[in-house]
Amino acid sequence: MPLLRIQTNVDTASGGQALASAASSTVAAMLGKPERYVMVSVEHNPNMRFAASDAPLAYLELKSIGLPENRSGEFSAALAQLIGEHLGVAAERVYIEFANAQRHLWGWNGATF
């Protein structure tokens, strides 16, 4: 049920799978959910700009059922660190959108949660 979508202008051809793997285990640990339910998408988009610059940047979306709003600061720090380690993107060049998904609006395996 958790989904982490990572978009970046940094070429991920050589490290995308390593980032996806690390992100999957990080999200599972952060949320206390089984990793078998975690989905991670890493997308390279060279046409991104932030603050009038095409310097390395990333945009992340973390969606999950029961996402605890009071922990978003902690999650932001952990995800920014992950992106810094794997892509070399400074935390100040990372935007993260958090979304708490409603069970009846999240489908899987031909049903909803």
Protein backbone atom coordinates (compact mmCIF):
# COMPACT_ATOMS: atom_id res chain seq x y z
CA MET A 1 0.00 0.00 0.00
CA PRO A 2 2.80 2.53 0.48
CA LEU A 3 3.97 4.07 -2.77
CA LEU A 4 7.10 6.17 -3.09
CA ARG A 5 7.49 7.89 -6.44
CA ILE A 6 10.84 9.53 -7.13
CA GLN A 7 11.33 11.90 -10.07
CA THR A 8 14.75 13.39 -10.68
CA ASN A 9 16.81 15.09 -13.34
CA VAL A 10 19.82 13.00 -12.23
CA ASP A 11 20.57 10.11 -14.59
CA THR A 12 19.56 6.94 -12.75
CA ALA A 13 20.72 4.43 -15.38
CA SER A 14 23.52 3.03 -13.24
CA GLY A 15 22.00 3.40 -9.77
CA GLY A 16 18.24 3.33 -10.17
CA GLN A 17 17.76 -0.25 -8.95
CA ALA A 18 19.98 0.32 -5.91
CA LEU A 19 17.98 3.45 -5.08
CA ALA A 20 14.67 1.62 -5.52
CA SER A 21 15.83 -1.21 -3.26
CA ALA A 22 17.09 1.13 -0.54
CA ALA A 23 13.94 3.25 -0.79
CA SER A 24 11.71 0.19 -0.45
CA SER A 25 13.35 -0.96 2.77
CA THR A 26 13.47 2.62 4.11
CA VAL A 27 9.74 3.18 3.53
CA ALA A 28 8.82 -0.17 5.07
CA ALA A 29 10.89 0.59 8.17
CA MET A 30 9.59 4.16 8.49
CA LEU A 31 5.96 3.12 8.26
CA GLY A 32 6.24 -0.22 10.06
CA LYS A 33 4.65 -2.02 7.11
CA PRO A 34 5.74 -5.22 5.36
CA GLU A 35 8.06 -4.51 2.46
CA ARG A 36 6.02 -6.88 0.29
CA TYR A 37 3.37 -4.14 0.09
CA VAL A 38 5.78 -1.27 -0.71
CA MET A 39 6.04 0.01 -4.29
CA VAL A 40 8.81 2.33 -5.44
CA SER A 41 9.05 4.08 -8.79
CA VAL A 42 12.25 5.84 -9.87
CA GLU A 43 11.84 8.09 -12.91
CA HIS A 44 14.52 10.06 -14.72
CA ASN A 45 13.21 13.29 -16.21
CA PRO A 46 16.00 15.48 -17.60
CA ASN A 47 13.58 18.38 -18.20
CA MET A 48 13.09 19.33 -14.55
CA ARG A 49 13.93 22.74 -13.05
CA PHE A 50 13.72 24.09 -9.53
CA ALA A 51 14.51 27.62 -8.33
CA ALA A 52 15.37 28.68 -11.90
CA SER A 53 18.09 26.03 -12.10
CA ASP A 54 18.55 22.60 -13.64
CA ALA A 55 21.07 21.61 -10.93
CA PRO A 56 20.38 18.12 -9.48
CA LEU A 57 16.91 17.96 -7.94
CA ALA A 58 14.22 15.49 -6.95
CA TYR A 59 10.48 15.43 -6.39
CA LEU A 60 9.05 12.65 -4.22
CA GLU A 61 5.50 11.53 -3.48
CA LEU A 62 4.85 9.23 -0.53
CA LYS A 63 1.33 7.84 -0.31
CA SER A 64 0.13 5.33 2.23
CA ILE A 65 -2.94 4.25 4.13
CA GLY A 66 -2.64 5.55 7.67
CA LEU A 67 0.26 7.92 6.98
CA PRO A 68 0.92 9.59 10.35
CA GLU A 69 0.86 13.36 9.80
CA ASN A 70 2.80 14.04 12.99
CA ARG A 71 5.83 12.16 11.58
CA SER A 72 6.11 13.89 8.19
CA GLY A 73 9.12 15.94 9.35
CA GLU A 74 10.95 12.78 10.37
CA PHE A 75 10.02 11.11 7.07
CA SER A 76 11.15 14.17 5.12
CA ALA A 77 14.58 14.05 6.76
CA ALA A 78 14.99 10.31 6.12
CA LEU A 79 13.92 10.55 2.48
CA ALA A 80 16.09 13.60 1.79
CA GLN A 81 19.06 11.73 3.27
CA LEU A 82 18.29 8.71 1.05
CA ILE A 83 18.17 10.91 -2.06
CA GLY A 84 21.38 12.65 -1.06
CA GLU A 85 23.21 9.38 -0.56
CA HIS A 86 22.04 7.74 -3.78
CA LEU A 87 21.69 10.68 -6.18
CA GLY A 88 23.88 13.39 -4.68
CA VAL A 89 20.94 15.80 -4.50
CA ALA A 90 21.08 18.32 -1.65
CA ALA A 91 18.12 18.30 0.75
CA GLU A 92 17.32 21.90 -0.23
CA ARG A 93 16.73 20.66 -3.81
CA VAL A 94 14.14 18.02 -2.81
CA TYR A 95 10.39 18.54 -2.59
CA ILE A 96 8.28 15.80 -0.96
CA GLU A 97 4.52 15.47 -1.09
CA PHE A 98 2.87 13.28 1.56
CA ALA A 99 -0.62 11.84 1.08
CA ASN A 100 -2.74 9.75 3.42
CA ALA A 101 -4.74 7.40 1.18
CA GLN A 102 -8.24 6.29 2.13
CA ARG A 103 -8.65 2.50 2.20
CA HIS A 104 -11.62 2.45 -0.14
CA LEU A 105 -9.68 4.50 -2.71
CA TRP A 106 -6.59 2.23 -2.79
CA GLY A 107 -6.91 -0.87 -4.94
CA TRP A 108 -4.83 -4.05 -4.97
CA ASN A 109 -5.35 -7.63 -6.05
CA GLY A 110 -8.73 -6.93 -7.60
CA ALA A 111 -10.13 -5.31 -4.46
CA THR A 112 -9.51 -2.38 -2.11
CA PHE A 113 -7.93 -2.28 1.31
